[in-house]
PDB file of N, CA and C in Angstrom:
ATOM      1  N   MET A   1     -13.668  10.642  -9.469  1.00  0.00           N
ATOM      2  CA  MET A   1     -12.246  10.581  -9.190  1.00  0.00           C
ATOM      3  C   MET A   1     -11.790  11.927  -8.629  1.00  0.00           C
ATOM      4  N   THR A   2     -10.923  11.875  -7.665  1.00  0.00           N
ATOM      5  CA  THR A   2     -10.416  13.064  -6.999  1.00  0.00           C
ATOM      6  C   THR A   2      -9.358  13.743  -7.852  1.00  0.00           C
ATOM      7  N   GLU A   3      -9.399  15.060  -7.895  1.00  0.00           N
ATOM      8  CA  GLU A   3      -8.344  15.832  -8.560  1.00  0.00           C
ATOM      9  C   GLU A   3      -7.076  15.697  -7.733  1.00  0.00           C
ATOM     10  N   PHE A   4      -6.019  15.153  -8.349  1.00  0.00           N
ATOM     11  CA  PHE A   4      -4.788  14.874  -7.617  1.00  0.00           C
ATOM     12  C   PHE A   4      -3.798  16.018  -7.762  1.00  0.00           C
ATOM     13  N   SER A   5      -3.159  16.362  -6.651  1.00  0.00           N
ATOM     14  CA  SER A   5      -2.121  17.384  -6.635  1.00  0.00           C
ATOM     15  C   SER A   5      -0.932  16.856  -5.832  1.00  0.00           C
ATOM     16  N   PRO A   6       0.250  16.749  -6.465  1.00  0.00           N
ATOM     17  CA  PRO A   6       1.428  16.294  -5.717  1.00  0.00           C
ATOM     18  C   PRO A   6       1.721  17.168  -4.501  1.00  0.00           C
ATOM     19  N   GLU A   7       1.479  18.457  -4.620  1.00  0.00           N
ATOM     20  CA  GLU A   7       1.731  19.351  -3.487  1.00  0.00           C
ATOM     21  C   GLU A   7       0.791  19.047  -2.327  1.00  0.00           C
ATOM     22  N   LYS A   8      -0.468  18.799  -2.630  1.00  0.00           N
ATOM     23  CA  LYS A   8      -1.420  18.465  -1.569  1.00  0.00           C
ATOM     24  C   LYS A   8      -1.100  17.104  -0.944  1.00  0.00           C
ATOM     25  N   PHE A   9      -0.494  16.210  -1.734  1.00  0.00           N
ATOM     26  CA  PHE A   9      -0.198  14.880  -1.222  1.00  0.00           C
ATOM     27  C   PHE A   9       0.856  14.928  -0.117  1.00  0.00           C
ATOM     28  N   GLU A  10       1.629  15.997  -0.077  1.00  0.00           N
ATOM     29  CA  GLU A  10       2.593  16.147   1.006  1.00  0.00           C
ATOM     30  C   GLU A  10       1.880  16.214   2.362  1.00  0.00           C
ATOM     31  N   ASP A  11       0.645  16.699   2.368  1.00  0.00           N
ATOM     32  CA  ASP A  11      -0.189  16.724   3.567  1.00  0.00           C
ATOM     33  C   ASP A  11      -1.386  15.790   3.320  1.00  0.00           C
ATOM     34  N   LYS A  12      -1.063  14.578   2.936  1.00  0.00           N
ATOM     35  CA  LYS A  12      -2.043  13.609   2.445  1.00  0.00           C
ATOM     36  C   LYS A  12      -3.172  13.279   3.415  1.00  0.00           C
ATOM     37  N   TYR A  13      -2.881  13.238   4.694  1.00  0.00           N
ATOM     38  CA  TYR A  13      -3.925  12.849   5.648  1.00  0.00           C
ATOM     39  C   TYR A  13      -4.962  13.945   5.840  1.00  0.00           C
ATOM     40  N   THR A  14      -4.605  15.163   5.515  1.00  0.00           N
ATOM     41  CA  THR A  14      -5.557  16.266   5.568  1.00  0.00           C
ATOM     42  C   THR A  14      -6.390  16.326   4.294  1.00  0.00           C
ATOM     43  N   HIS A  15      -5.734  16.172   3.152  1.00  0.00           N
ATOM     44  CA  HIS A  15      -6.399  16.373   1.866  1.00  0.00           C
ATOM     45  C   HIS A  15      -6.973  15.103   1.241  1.00  0.00           C
ATOM     46  N   TYR A  16      -6.383  13.944   1.521  1.00  0.00           N
ATOM     47  CA  TYR A  16      -6.739  12.731   0.784  1.00  0.00           C
ATOM     48  C   TYR A  16      -7.019  11.512   1.658  1.00  0.00           C
ATOM     49  N   PHE A  17      -7.387  11.705   2.889  1.00  0.00           N
ATOM     50  CA  PHE A  17      -7.587  10.564   3.786  1.00  0.00           C
ATOM     51  C   PHE A  17      -8.595   9.542   3.255  1.00  0.00           C
ATOM     52  N   PRO A  18      -9.776   9.951   2.781  1.00  0.00           N
ATOM     53  CA  PRO A  18     -10.735   8.952   2.270  1.00  0.00           C
ATOM     54  C   PRO A  18     -10.187   8.169   1.079  1.00  0.00           C
ATOM     55  N   GLU A  19      -9.440   8.836   0.212  1.00  0.00           N
ATOM     56  CA  GLU A  19      -8.873   8.167  -0.947  1.00  0.00           C
ATOM     57  C   GLU A  19      -7.794   7.165  -0.536  1.00  0.00           C
ATOM     58  N   LEU A  20      -6.999   7.537   0.459  1.00  0.00           N
ATOM     59  CA  LEU A  20      -5.986   6.618   0.972  1.00  0.00           C
ATOM     60  C   LEU A  20      -6.646   5.382   1.573  1.00  0.00           C
ATOM     61  N   GLN A  21      -7.705   5.594   2.339  1.00  0.00           N
ATOM     62  CA  GLN A  21      -8.433   4.464   2.923  1.00  0.00           C
ATOM     63  C   GLN A  21      -8.981   3.550   1.829  1.00  0.00           C
ATOM     64  N   THR A  22      -9.518   4.143   0.780  1.00  0.00           N
ATOM     65  CA  THR A  22     -10.072   3.358  -0.322  1.00  0.00           C
ATOM     66  C   THR A  22      -8.998   2.518  -0.990  1.00  0.00           C
ATOM     67  N   ALA A  23      -7.853   3.113  -1.275  1.00  0.00           N
ATOM     68  CA  ALA A  23      -6.772   2.383  -1.934  1.00  0.00           C
ATOM     69  C   ALA A  23      -6.294   1.217  -1.074  1.00  0.00           C
ATOM     70  N   TYR A  24      -6.065   1.471   0.214  1.00  0.00           N
ATOM     71  CA  TYR A  24      -5.610   0.407   1.111  1.00  0.00           C
ATOM     72  C   TYR A  24      -6.685  -0.674   1.267  1.00  0.00           C
ATOM     73  N   LYS A  25      -7.955  -0.265   1.356  1.00  0.00           N
ATOM     74  CA  LYS A  25      -9.048  -1.223   1.503  1.00  0.00           C
ATOM     75  C   LYS A  25      -9.177  -2.093   0.257  1.00  0.00           C
ATOM     76  N   ASN A  26      -9.068  -1.490  -0.918  1.00  0.00           N
ATOM     77  CA  ASN A  26      -9.150  -2.255  -2.161  1.00  0.00           C
ATOM     78  C   ASN A  26      -8.011  -3.264  -2.264  1.00  0.00           C
ATOM     79  N   ALA A  27      -6.807  -2.827  -1.914  1.00  0.00           N
ATOM     80  CA  ALA A  27      -5.653  -3.725  -1.945  1.00  0.00           C
ATOM     81  C   ALA A  27      -5.852  -4.873  -0.956  1.00  0.00           C
ATOM     82  N   PHE A  28      -6.346  -4.551   0.236  1.00  0.00           N
ATOM     83  CA  PHE A  28      -6.610  -5.584   1.244  1.00  0.00           C
ATOM     84  C   PHE A  28      -7.603  -6.611   0.701  1.00  0.00           C
ATOM     85  N   GLY A  29      -8.678  -6.146   0.106  1.00  0.00           N
ATOM     86  CA  GLY A  29      -9.692  -7.055  -0.430  1.00  0.00           C
ATOM     87  C   GLY A  29      -9.136  -7.989  -1.492  1.00  0.00           C
ATOM     88  N   THR A  30      -8.343  -7.438  -2.391  1.00  0.00           N
ATOM     89  CA  THR A  30      -7.739  -8.250  -3.442  1.00  0.00           C
ATOM     90  C   THR A  30      -6.798  -9.295  -2.859  1.00  0.00           C
ATOM     91  N   MET A  31      -5.957  -8.877  -1.938  1.00  0.00           N
ATOM     92  CA  MET A  31      -4.997  -9.797  -1.340  1.00  0.00           C
ATOM     93  C   MET A  31      -5.695 -10.832  -0.459  1.00  0.00           C
ATOM     94  N   ASN A  32      -6.725 -10.430   0.246  1.00  0.00           N
ATOM     95  CA  ASN A  32      -7.460 -11.344   1.119  1.00  0.00           C
ATOM     96  C   ASN A  32      -8.171 -12.424   0.304  1.00  0.00           C
ATOM     97  N   ASP A  33      -8.584 -12.078  -0.911  1.00  0.00           N
ATOM     98  CA  ASP A  33      -9.218 -13.061  -1.794  1.00  0.00           C
ATOM     99  C   ASP A  33      -8.200 -14.044  -2.361  1.00  0.00           C
ATOM    100  N   ALA A  34      -6.954 -13.608  -2.510  1.00  0.00           N
ATOM    101  CA  ALA A  34      -5.932 -14.421  -3.171  1.00  0.00           C
ATOM    102  C   ALA A  34      -5.093 -15.271  -2.213  1.00  0.00           C
ATOM    103  N   TYR A  35      -5.008 -14.873  -0.955  1.00  0.00           N
ATOM    104  CA  TYR A  35      -4.123 -15.540  -0.002  1.00  0.00           C
ATOM    105  C   TYR A  35      -4.862 -15.846   1.295  1.00  0.00           C
ATOM    106  N   ASP A  36      -4.204 -16.620   2.147  1.00  0.00           N
ATOM    107  CA  ASP A  36      -4.734 -16.962   3.456  1.00  0.00           C
ATOM    108  C   ASP A  36      -5.090 -15.687   4.223  1.00  0.00           C
ATOM    109  N   SER A  37      -6.301 -15.606   4.693  1.00  0.00           N
ATOM    110  CA  SER A  37      -6.760 -14.374   5.348  1.00  0.00           C
ATOM    111  C   SER A  37      -5.975 -14.067   6.626  1.00  0.00           C
ATOM    112  N   GLN A  38      -5.527 -15.089   7.349  1.00  0.00           N
ATOM    113  CA  GLN A  38      -4.745 -14.827   8.563  1.00  0.00           C
ATOM    114  C   GLN A  38      -3.420 -14.151   8.228  1.00  0.00           C
ATOM    115  N   LEU A  39      -2.794 -14.581   7.145  1.00  0.00           N
ATOM    116  CA  LEU A  39      -1.537 -13.971   6.719  1.00  0.00           C
ATOM    117  C   LEU A  39      -1.763 -12.522   6.296  1.00  0.00           C
ATOM    118  N   ILE A  40      -2.798 -12.272   5.531  1.00  0.00           N
ATOM    119  CA  ILE A  40      -3.080 -10.919   5.048  1.00  0.00           C
ATOM    120  C   ILE A  40      -3.432 -10.007   6.221  1.00  0.00           C
ATOM    121  N   HIS A  41      -4.225 -10.479   7.157  1.00  0.00           N
ATOM    122  CA  HIS A  41      -4.550  -9.682   8.347  1.00  0.00           C
ATOM    123  C   HIS A  41      -3.293  -9.377   9.161  1.00  0.00           C
ATOM    124  N   ALA A  42      -2.411 -10.361   9.298  1.00  0.00           N
ATOM    125  CA  ALA A  42      -1.175 -10.138  10.062  1.00  0.00           C
ATOM    126  C   ALA A  42      -0.317  -9.075   9.382  1.00  0.00           C
ATOM    127  N   ILE A  43      -0.153  -9.158   8.081  1.00  0.00           N
ATOM    128  CA  ILE A  43       0.628  -8.152   7.357  1.00  0.00           C
ATOM    129  C   ILE A  43      -0.027  -6.784   7.498  1.00  0.00           C
ATOM    130  N   ASP A  44      -1.326  -6.749   7.350  1.00  0.00           N
ATOM    131  CA  ASP A  44      -2.062  -5.487   7.446  1.00  0.00           C
ATOM    132  C   ASP A  44      -1.894  -4.844   8.824  1.00  0.00           C
ATOM    133  N   GLN A  45      -2.053  -5.630   9.859  1.00  0.00           N
ATOM    134  CA  GLN A  45      -2.038  -5.097  11.228  1.00  0.00           C
ATOM    135  C   GLN A  45      -0.645  -4.920  11.809  1.00  0.00           C
ATOM    136  N   GLN A  46       0.315  -5.712  11.363  1.00  0.00           N
ATOM    137  CA  GLN A  46       1.630  -5.679  11.993  1.00  0.00           C
ATOM    138  C   GLN A  46       2.706  -4.993  11.149  1.00  0.00           C
ATOM    139  N   VAL A  47       2.417  -4.745   9.887  1.00  0.00           N
ATOM    140  CA  VAL A  47       3.391  -4.072   9.015  1.00  0.00           C
ATOM    141  C   VAL A  47       2.783  -2.833   8.372  1.00  0.00           C
ATOM    142  N   LEU A  48       1.695  -3.031   7.653  1.00  0.00           N
ATOM    143  CA  LEU A  48       1.143  -1.929   6.866  1.00  0.00           C
ATOM    144  C   LEU A  48       0.509  -0.833   7.715  1.00  0.00           C
ATOM    145  N   ASN A  49       0.185  -1.152   8.953  1.00  0.00           N
ATOM    146  CA  ASN A  49      -0.368  -0.119   9.833  1.00  0.00           C
ATOM    147  C   ASN A  49       0.651   0.984  10.110  1.00  0.00           C
ATOM    148  N   GLU A  50       1.926   0.704   9.871  1.00  0.00           N
ATOM    149  CA  GLU A  50       2.962   1.717  10.055  1.00  0.00           C
ATOM    150  C   GLU A  50       3.664   2.070   8.744  1.00  0.00           C
ATOM    151  N   SER A  51       3.028   1.725   7.630  1.00  0.00           N
ATOM    152  CA  SER A  51       3.595   2.089   6.337  1.00  0.00           C
ATOM    153  C   SER A  51       3.242   3.532   6.016  1.00  0.00           C
ATOM    154  N   GLU A  52       3.958   4.076   5.048  1.00  0.00           N
ATOM    155  CA  GLU A  52       3.738   5.473   4.677  1.00  0.00           C
ATOM    156  C   GLU A  52       3.746   5.602   3.158  1.00  0.00           C
ATOM    157  N   PRO A  53       2.632   6.048   2.568  1.00  0.00           N
ATOM    158  CA  PRO A  53       2.615   6.257   1.120  1.00  0.00           C
ATOM    159  C   PRO A  53       3.234   7.608   0.756  1.00  0.00           C
ATOM    160  N   PHE A  54       3.971   7.618  -0.347  1.00  0.00           N
ATOM    161  CA  PHE A  54       4.586   8.840  -0.858  1.00  0.00           C
ATOM    162  C   PHE A  54       4.332   8.941  -2.352  1.00  0.00           C
ATOM    163  N   TYR A  55       4.480  10.155  -2.866  1.00  0.00           N
ATOM    164  CA  TYR A  55       4.361  10.373  -4.301  1.00  0.00           C
ATOM    165  C   TYR A  55       5.471  11.304  -4.752  1.00  0.00           C
ATOM    166  N   ASP A  56       6.122  10.918  -5.856  1.00  0.00           N
ATOM    167  CA  ASP A  56       7.013  11.865  -6.520  1.00  0.00           C
ATOM    168  C   ASP A  56       6.742  11.750  -8.021  1.00  0.00           C
ATOM    169  N   GLU A  57       6.880  12.869  -8.700  1.00  0.00           N
ATOM    170  CA  GLU A  57       6.462  12.938 -10.091  1.00  0.00           C
ATOM    171  C   GLU A  57       7.290  12.051 -11.013  1.00  0.00           C
ATOM    172  N   GLU A  58       8.490  11.719 -10.644  1.00  0.00           N
ATOM    173  CA  GLU A  58       9.315  10.861 -11.493  1.00  0.00           C
ATOM    174  C   GLU A  58       9.051   9.381 -11.241  1.00  0.00           C
ATOM    175  N   GLY A  59       8.798   9.024  -9.993  1.00  0.00           N
ATOM    176  CA  GLY A  59       8.637   7.617  -9.651  1.00  0.00           C
ATOM    177  C   GLY A  59       7.214   7.191  -9.370  1.00  0.00           C
ATOM    178  N   GLY A  60       6.300   8.119  -9.253  1.00  0.00           N
ATOM    179  CA  GLY A  60       4.923   7.775  -8.931  1.00  0.00           C
ATOM    180  C   GLY A  60       4.748   7.484  -7.451  1.00  0.00           C
ATOM    181  N   PHE A  61       3.786   6.615  -7.166  1.00  0.00           N
ATOM    182  CA  PHE A  61       3.505   6.262  -5.774  1.00  0.00           C
ATOM    183  C   PHE A  61       4.458   5.179  -5.299  1.00  0.00           C
ATOM    184  N   ARG A  62       4.824   5.266  -4.032  1.00  0.00           N
ATOM    185  CA  ARG A  62       5.587   4.208  -3.380  1.00  0.00           C
ATOM    186  C   ARG A  62       5.103   4.122  -1.939  1.00  0.00           C
ATOM    187  N   VAL A  63       5.244   2.955  -1.382  1.00  0.00           N
ATOM    188  CA  VAL A  63       4.877   2.729   0.011  1.00  0.00           C
ATOM    189  C   VAL A  63       6.141   2.327   0.757  1.00  0.00           C
ATOM    190  N   ASP A  64       6.513   3.141   1.729  1.00  0.00           N
ATOM    191  CA  ASP A  64       7.662   2.826   2.583  1.00  0.00           C
ATOM    192  C   ASP A  64       7.165   2.024   3.777  1.00  0.00           C
ATOM    193  N   LEU A  65       7.867   0.945   4.045  1.00  0.00           N
ATOM    194  CA  LEU A  65       7.519   0.072   5.159  1.00  0.00           C
ATOM    195  C   LEU A  65       8.380   0.410   6.371  1.00  0.00           C
ATOM    196  N   PRO A  66       7.913   0.027   7.555  1.00  0.00           N
ATOM    197  CA  PRO A  66       8.747   0.223   8.746  1.00  0.00           C
ATOM    198  C   PRO A  66       9.974  -0.688   8.664  1.00  0.00           C
ATOM    199  N   GLU A  67      10.949  -0.416   9.518  1.00  0.00           N
ATOM    200  CA  GLU A  67      12.149  -1.254   9.551  1.00  0.00           C
ATOM    201  C   GLU A  67      11.787  -2.692   9.898  1.00  0.00           C
ATOM    202  N   ASN A  68      12.527  -3.613   9.301  1.00  0.00           N
ATOM    203  CA  ASN A  68      12.372  -5.050   9.555  1.00  0.00           C
ATOM    204  C   ASN A  68      10.919  -5.513   9.447  1.00  0.00           C
ATOM    205  N   PRO A  69      10.282  -5.274   8.325  1.00  0.00           N
ATOM    206  CA  PRO A  69       8.854  -5.571   8.238  1.00  0.00           C
ATOM    207  C   PRO A  69       8.511  -7.045   8.447  1.00  0.00           C
ATOM    208  N   THR A  70       9.328  -7.949   7.924  1.00  0.00           N
ATOM    209  CA  THR A  70       8.972  -9.361   8.073  1.00  0.00           C
ATOM    210  C   THR A  70       9.128  -9.846   9.514  1.00  0.00           C
ATOM    211  N   GLU A  71      10.015  -9.232  10.265  1.00  0.00           N
ATOM    212  CA  GLU A  71      10.178  -9.614  11.666  1.00  0.00           C
ATOM    213  C   GLU A  71       8.990  -9.183  12.514  1.00  0.00           C
ATOM    214  N   ARG A  72       8.206  -8.250  12.012  1.00  0.00           N
ATOM    215  CA  ARG A  72       7.039  -7.762  12.750  1.00  0.00           C
ATOM    216  C   ARG A  72       5.873  -8.749  12.697  1.00  0.00           C
ATOM    217  N   VAL A  73       5.878  -9.618  11.705  1.00  0.00           N
ATOM    218  CA  VAL A  73       4.766 -10.552  11.527  1.00  0.00           C
ATOM    219  C   VAL A  73       4.947 -11.724  12.475  1.00  0.00           C
ATOM    220  N   THR A  74       4.192 -11.660  13.574  1.00  0.00           N
ATOM    221  CA  THR A  74       4.279 -12.705  14.596  1.00  0.00           C
ATOM    222  C   THR A  74       2.945 -13.412  14.827  1.00  0.00           C
ATOM    223  N   ALA A  75       1.898 -12.943  14.183  1.00  0.00           N
ATOM    224  CA  ALA A  75       0.566 -13.503  14.422  1.00  0.00           C
ATOM    225  C   ALA A  75       0.332 -14.818  13.678  1.00  0.00           C
ATOM    226  N   VAL A  76       1.187 -15.110  12.701  1.00  0.00           N
ATOM    227  CA  VAL A  76       1.051 -16.355  11.950  1.00  0.00           C
ATOM    228  C   VAL A  76       2.440 -16.958  11.736  1.00  0.00           C
ATOM    229  N   VAL A  77       2.451 -18.255  11.495  1.00  0.00           N
ATOM    230  CA  VAL A  77       3.694 -18.935  11.152  1.00  0.00           C
ATOM    231  C   VAL A  77       3.722 -19.056   9.638  1.00  0.00           C
ATOM    232  N   VAL A  78       4.780 -18.502   9.042  1.00  0.00           N
ATOM    233  CA  VAL A  78       4.899 -18.518   7.584  1.00  0.00           C
ATOM    234  C   VAL A  78       6.378 -18.523   7.226  1.00  0.00           C
ATOM    235  N   GLU A  79       6.711 -19.228   6.150  1.00  0.00           N
ATOM    236  CA  GLU A  79       8.099 -19.259   5.688  1.00  0.00           C
ATOM    237  C   GLU A  79       8.507 -17.865   5.222  1.00  0.00           C
ATOM    238  N   ASP A  80       9.765 -17.519   5.474  1.00  0.00           N
ATOM    239  CA  ASP A  80      10.264 -16.191   5.121  1.00  0.00           C
ATOM    240  C   ASP A  80      10.089 -15.873   3.644  1.00  0.00           C
ATOM    241  N   ASP A  81      10.378 -16.837   2.772  1.00  0.00           N
ATOM    242  CA  ASP A  81      10.258 -16.596   1.335  1.00  0.00           C
ATOM    243  C   ASP A  81       8.827 -16.267   0.940  1.00  0.00           C
ATOM    244  N   LYS A  82       7.894 -16.995   1.497  1.00  0.00           N
ATOM    245  CA  LYS A  82       6.486 -16.738   1.176  1.00  0.00           C
ATOM    246  C   LYS A  82       6.062 -15.377   1.719  1.00  0.00           C
ATOM    247  N   LEU A  83       6.459 -15.074   2.945  1.00  0.00           N
ATOM    248  CA  LEU A  83       6.109 -13.785   3.533  1.00  0.00           C
ATOM    249  C   LEU A  83       6.671 -12.634   2.702  1.00  0.00           C
ATOM    250  N   ASP A  84       7.927 -12.733   2.304  1.00  0.00           N
ATOM    251  CA  ASP A  84       8.538 -11.694   1.466  1.00  0.00           C
ATOM    252  C   ASP A  84       7.767 -11.510   0.163  1.00  0.00           C
ATOM    253  N   ALA A  85       7.424 -12.615  -0.478  1.00  0.00           N
ATOM    254  CA  ALA A  85       6.721 -12.547  -1.764  1.00  0.00           C
ATOM    255  C   ALA A  85       5.326 -11.929  -1.607  1.00  0.00           C
ATOM    256  N   VAL A  86       4.604 -12.338  -0.584  1.00  0.00           N
ATOM    257  CA  VAL A  86       3.255 -11.812  -0.366  1.00  0.00           C
ATOM    258  C   VAL A  86       3.318 -10.339   0.021  1.00  0.00           C
ATOM    259  N   LEU A  87       4.259  -9.981   0.868  1.00  0.00           N
ATOM    260  CA  LEU A  87       4.408  -8.584   1.261  1.00  0.00           C
ATOM    261  C   LEU A  87       4.759  -7.719   0.050  1.00  0.00           C
ATOM    262  N   ASP A  88       5.676  -8.181  -0.792  1.00  0.00           N
ATOM    263  CA  ASP A  88       6.032  -7.435  -2.005  1.00  0.00           C
ATOM    264  C   ASP A  88       4.811  -7.241  -2.906  1.00  0.00           C
ATOM    265  N   GLU A  89       4.048  -8.309  -3.083  1.00  0.00           N
ATOM    266  CA  GLU A  89       2.850  -8.206  -3.916  1.00  0.00           C
ATOM    267  C   GLU A  89       1.825  -7.254  -3.301  1.00  0.00           C
ATOM    268  N   TYR A  90       1.680  -7.308  -2.003  1.00  0.00           N
ATOM    269  CA  TYR A  90       0.725  -6.444  -1.301  1.00  0.00           C
ATOM    270  C   TYR A  90       1.106  -4.975  -1.494  1.00  0.00           C
ATOM    271  N   VAL A  91       2.386  -4.663  -1.351  1.00  0.00           N
ATOM    272  CA  VAL A  91       2.850  -3.287  -1.541  1.00  0.00           C
ATOM    273  C   VAL A  91       2.608  -2.848  -2.986  1.00  0.00           C
ATOM    274  N   GLU A  92       2.913  -3.720  -3.935  1.00  0.00           N
ATOM    275  CA  GLU A  92       2.655  -3.395  -5.344  1.00  0.00           C
ATOM    276  C   GLU A  92       1.166  -3.144  -5.578  1.00  0.00           C
ATOM    277  N   ARG A  93       0.323  -3.920  -4.945  1.00  0.00           N
ATOM    278  CA  ARG A  93      -1.129  -3.759  -5.087  1.00  0.00           C
ATOM    279  C   ARG A  93      -1.570  -2.416  -4.512  1.00  0.00           C
ATOM    280  N   ILE A  94      -1.034  -2.036  -3.366  1.00  0.00           N
ATOM    281  CA  ILE A  94      -1.373  -0.732  -2.779  1.00  0.00           C
ATOM    282  C   ILE A  94      -0.938   0.393  -3.703  1.00  0.00           C
ATOM    283  N   GLU A  95       0.273   0.303  -4.225  1.00  0.00           N
ATOM    284  CA  GLU A  95       0.763   1.341  -5.134  1.00  0.00           C
ATOM    285  C   GLU A  95      -0.100   1.435  -6.381  1.00  0.00           C
ATOM    286  N   ALA A  96      -0.525   0.291  -6.908  1.00  0.00           N
ATOM    287  CA  ALA A  96      -1.408   0.285  -8.078  1.00  0.00           C
ATOM    288  C   ALA A  96      -2.765   0.897  -7.737  1.00  0.00           C
ATOM    289  N   GLU A  97      -3.287   0.586  -6.559  1.00  0.00           N
ATOM    290  CA  GLU A  97      -4.572   1.145  -6.144  1.00  0.00           C
ATOM    291  C   GLU A  97      -4.473   2.652  -5.922  1.00  0.00           C
ATOM    292  N   LEU A  98      -3.368   3.108  -5.355  1.00  0.00           N
ATOM    293  CA  LEU A  98      -3.180   4.554  -5.196  1.00  0.00           C
ATOM    294  C   LEU A  98      -3.201   5.232  -6.562  1.00  0.00           C
ATOM    295  N   ALA A  99      -2.487   4.667  -7.515  1.00  0.00           N
ATOM    296  CA  ALA A  99      -2.467   5.237  -8.868  1.00  0.00           C
ATOM    297  C   ALA A  99      -3.863   5.233  -9.472  1.00  0.00           C
ATOM    298  N   ARG A 100      -4.602   4.148  -9.288  1.00  0.00           N
ATOM    299  CA  ARG A 100      -5.947   4.048  -9.846  1.00  0.00           C
ATOM    300  C   ARG A 100      -6.892   5.046  -9.186  1.00  0.00           C
ATOM    301  N   VAL A 101      -6.888   5.088  -7.860  1.00  0.00           N
ATOM    302  CA  VAL A 101      -7.787   5.977  -7.121  1.00  0.00           C
ATOM    303  C   VAL A 101      -7.534   7.439  -7.482  1.00  0.00           C
ATOM    304  N   PHE A 102      -6.272   7.797  -7.657  1.00  0.00           N
ATOM    305  CA  PHE A 102      -5.931   9.188  -7.955  1.00  0.00           C
ATOM    306  C   PHE A 102      -5.840   9.480  -9.449  1.00  0.00           C
ATOM    307  N   GLY A 103      -6.037   8.458 -10.291  1.00  0.00           N
ATOM    308  CA  GLY A 103      -6.017   8.672 -11.722  1.00  0.00           C
ATOM    309  C   GLY A 103      -4.646   9.036 -12.261  1.00  0.00           C
ATOM    310  N   VAL A 104      -3.604   8.461 -11.650  1.00  0.00           N
ATOM    311  CA  VAL A 104      -2.236   8.745 -12.073  1.00  0.00           C
ATOM    312  C   VAL A 104      -1.724   7.532 -12.825  1.00  0.00           C
ATOM    313  N   ASP A 105      -1.266   7.743 -14.055  1.00  0.00           N
ATOM    314  CA  ASP A 105      -0.723   6.675 -14.879  1.00  0.00           C
ATOM    315  C   ASP A 105       0.567   6.177 -14.250  1.00  0.00           C
ATOM    316  N   ARG A 106       0.643   4.892 -13.952  1.00  0.00           N
ATOM    317  CA  ARG A 106       1.831   4.334 -13.282  1.00  0.00           C
ATOM    318  C   ARG A 106       3.068   4.373 -14.160  1.00  0.00           C
ATOM    319  N   ASP A 107       2.893   4.322 -15.490  1.00  0.00           N
ATOM    320  CA  ASP A 107       4.059   4.295 -16.380  1.00  0.00           C
ATOM    321  C   ASP A 107       4.628   5.683 -16.660  1.00  0.00           C
ATOM    322  N   SER A 108       3.780   6.682 -16.611  1.00  0.00           N
ATOM    323  CA  SER A 108       4.266   8.050 -16.826  1.00  0.00           C
ATOM    324  C   SER A 108       3.523   8.973 -15.871  1.00  0.00           C
ATOM    325  N   PRO A 109       4.005   9.025 -14.620  1.00  0.00           N
ATOM    326  CA  PRO A 109       3.310   9.819 -13.586  1.00  0.00           C
ATOM    327  C   PRO A 109       3.068  11.254 -14.018  1.00  0.00           C
ATOM    328  N   LYS A 110       1.907  11.731 -13.624  1.00  0.00           N
ATOM    329  CA  LYS A 110       1.556  13.124 -13.904  1.00  0.00           C
ATOM    330  C   LYS A 110       0.573  13.558 -12.854  1.00  0.00           C
ATOM    331  N   ALA A 111       0.382  14.825 -12.791  1.00  0.00           N
ATOM    332  CA  ALA A 111      -0.608  15.355 -11.846  1.00  0.00           C
ATOM    333  C   ALA A 111      -1.484  16.337 -12.552  1.00  0.00           C
TER     334      ALA A 111
END
């Protein structure tokens, strides 16, 4: 497990790129096993490719999505309610994987 530093996470792509890839890849695998692969690929390629992970000591990890994320999904036909629910779950999964990969307790963030 990587030694996590909130200060280093501010420059995350320099210090933690492999760990970020692992967290996103793990989340993708879990979601791809649970849902239609075309939907998961569309979310991954059309929304999450422009997402940004952040960390703050009070709130832990969060993933900010680009504006109008559901409108970006054009590769598949899906009801808005289902897309919203799957996207929310996917983001939660990424945040959980970030916490796991970096060894940060989600209930009481620490570094």
